[in-house]
């Protein structure tokens, strides 16, 4: 029985040793993986800095462009408002002129028409019946 226990102990020690060797190999691989991950993260952070700086510049330029577009849109809207007011003023001026001039012109034309009719009736020959 004692030899059986010694065999079992030897098998257990060999198994524990194999497990330790496997864990050492796995930990070495894991350490290499973490080293590569650290290297990749360092490279990403190094490359990301210029990208973020460019993104900041682009954002500032877009902000400036949108401000200028807003200013131009406001100027265009103000110009259209001025044009609309000018058109309304021209229409109002036309209405006032029409109100002030139309009636006197109608009177003058009717007077002239009457004078022409009378003048032509004076010189018209009486027609003889045939």
Protein backbone atom coordinates (compact mmCIF):
# COMPACT_ATOMS: atom_id res chain seq x y z
CA UNK A 1 0.00 0.00 0.00
CA UNK A 2 2.89 2.24 0.71
CA UNK A 3 4.24 1.87 -2.78
CA UNK A 4 0.81 2.73 -4.17
CA UNK A 5 0.82 5.95 -2.16
CA UNK A 6 4.29 6.76 -3.42
CA UNK A 7 3.15 6.19 -7.01
CA UNK A 8 0.11 8.38 -6.47
CA UNK A 9 2.30 11.06 -4.87
CA UNK A 10 4.72 10.88 -7.82
CA UNK A 11 1.86 11.16 -10.31
CA UNK A 12 0.44 14.09 -8.33
CA UNK A 13 3.85 15.82 -8.24
CA UNK A 14 4.40 15.25 -11.96
CA UNK A 15 0.88 16.56 -12.69
CA UNK A 16 1.48 19.61 -10.49
CA UNK A 17 4.83 20.20 -12.20
CA UNK A 18 3.21 19.89 -15.65
CA UNK A 19 0.48 22.28 -14.54
CA UNK A 20 3.09 24.76 -13.31
CA UNK A 21 5.00 24.55 -16.61
CA UNK A 22 1.73 25.06 -18.54
CA UNK A 23 0.82 28.06 -16.34
CA UNK A 24 4.29 29.56 -16.85
CA UNK A 25 3.99 29.17 -20.64
CA UNK A 26 0.46 30.65 -20.56
CA UNK A 27 1.58 33.58 -18.40
CA UNK A 28 4.49 34.28 -20.78
CA UNK A 29 2.09 34.32 -23.73
CA UNK A 30 -0.31 36.53 -21.78
CA UNK A 31 2.57 38.89 -20.94
CA UNK A 32 3.51 39.08 -24.63
CA UNK A 33 -0.14 39.77 -25.52
CA UNK A 34 -0.30 42.60 -22.96
CA UNK A 35 2.97 44.00 -24.33
CA UNK A 36 1.57 44.05 -27.87
CA UNK A 37 -1.67 45.59 -26.59
CA UNK A 38 0.29 48.29 -24.77
CA UNK A 39 2.32 48.96 -27.92
CA UNK A 40 -0.84 49.19 -30.06
CA UNK A 41 -2.55 51.50 -27.57
CA UNK A 42 0.53 53.74 -27.48
CA UNK A 43 0.54 53.91 -31.28
CA UNK A 44 -3.18 54.65 -31.36
CA UNK A 45 -2.83 57.45 -28.82
CA UNK A 46 0.15 58.87 -30.72
CA UNK A 47 -1.77 58.81 -34.03
CA UNK A 48 -5.04 60.00 -32.52
CA UNK A 49 -3.60 63.28 -31.23
CA UNK A 50 -3.11 64.85 -34.72
CA UNK A 51 -6.50 63.53 -35.80
CA UNK A 52 -8.18 65.21 -32.84
CA UNK A 53 -6.25 68.42 -33.49
CA UNK A 54 -7.35 68.37 -37.15
CA UNK A 55 -10.89 67.62 -36.05
CA UNK A 56 -10.77 70.64 -33.76
CA UNK A 57 -9.52 72.84 -36.63
CA UNK A 58 -12.22 71.48 -38.93
CA UNK A 59 -14.87 72.11 -36.29
CA UNK A 60 -13.71 75.71 -35.87
CA UNK A 61 -13.76 76.24 -39.65
CA UNK A 62 -17.26 74.76 -39.91
CA UNK A 63 -18.39 77.03 -37.11
CA UNK A 64 -16.91 80.03 -38.92
CA UNK A 65 -18.51 78.98 -42.22
CA UNK A 66 -21.91 78.49 -40.61
CA UNK A 67 -21.63 81.92 -38.98
CA UNK A 68 -20.79 83.50 -42.35
CA UNK A 69 -23.66 81.64 -44.03
CA UNK A 70 -26.02 82.91 -41.32
CA UNK A 71 -24.75 86.46 -41.85
CA UNK A 72 -25.21 86.17 -45.63
CA UNK A 73 -28.69 84.72 -45.17
CA UNK A 74 -29.60 87.62 -42.88
CA UNK A 75 -28.22 90.12 -45.42
CA UNK A 76 -30.21 88.41 -48.20
CA UNK A 77 -33.36 88.43 -46.09
CA UNK A 78 -32.84 92.13 -45.28
CA UNK A 79 -32.27 92.87 -48.98
CA UNK A 80 -35.45 91.02 -49.92
CA UNK A 81 -37.34 92.93 -47.22
CA UNK A 82 -35.99 96.23 -48.59
CA UNK A 83 -36.95 95.19 -52.13
CA UNK A 84 -40.45 94.26 -50.94
CA UNK A 85 -40.82 97.61 -49.19
CA UNK A 86 -39.59 99.40 -52.34
CA UNK A 87 -42.14 97.52 -54.45
CA UNK A 88 -44.89 98.41 -51.99
CA UNK A 89 -43.80 102.07 -52.09
CA UNK A 90 -43.85 102.06 -55.91
CA UNK A 91 -47.34 100.53 -55.91
CA UNK A 92 -48.55 103.09 -53.37
CA UNK A 93 -47.01 105.90 -55.46
CA UNK A 94 -48.78 104.53 -58.53
CA UNK A 95 -52.10 104.45 -56.68
CA UNK A 96 -51.67 108.04 -55.47
CA UNK A 97 -50.75 109.28 -58.95
CA UNK A 98 -53.66 107.40 -60.43
CA UNK A 99 -56.06 108.91 -57.88
CA UNK A 100 -54.76 112.46 -58.43
CA UNK A 101 -54.35 112.37 -62.22
CA UNK A 102 -57.07 110.06 -63.45
CA UNK A 103 -60.09 112.26 -62.68
CA UNK A 104 -58.62 115.48 -64.15
CA UNK A 105 -57.52 113.64 -67.30
CA UNK A 106 -61.00 112.17 -67.73
CA UNK A 107 -62.50 115.65 -67.35
CA UNK A 108 -60.08 117.18 -69.84
CA UNK A 109 -60.66 114.42 -72.39
CA UNK A 110 -64.41 114.70 -72.06
CA UNK A 111 -64.20 118.49 -72.51
CA UNK A 112 -61.91 118.07 -75.52
CA UNK A 113 -64.23 115.42 -76.93
CA UNK A 114 -67.17 117.77 -76.53
CA UNK A 115 -65.28 120.63 -78.18
CA UNK A 116 -64.27 118.44 -81.11
CA UNK A 117 -67.87 117.25 -81.53
CA UNK A 118 -69.17 120.85 -81.53
CA UNK A 119 -66.42 122.01 -83.83
CA UNK A 120 -67.12 119.26 -86.31
CA UNK A 121 -70.86 119.88 -86.10
CA UNK A 122 -70.30 123.54 -87.06
CA UNK A 123 -68.50 122.64 -90.22
CA UNK A 124 -70.57 119.69 -91.15
CA UNK A 125 -72.74 120.29 -94.18
CA UNK A 126 -76.34 119.60 -93.88
CA UNK A 127 -77.19 116.59 -95.94
CA UNK A 128 -79.86 116.95 -98.49
CA UNK A 129 -82.32 114.18 -98.92
CA UNK A 130 -81.93 112.39 -102.15
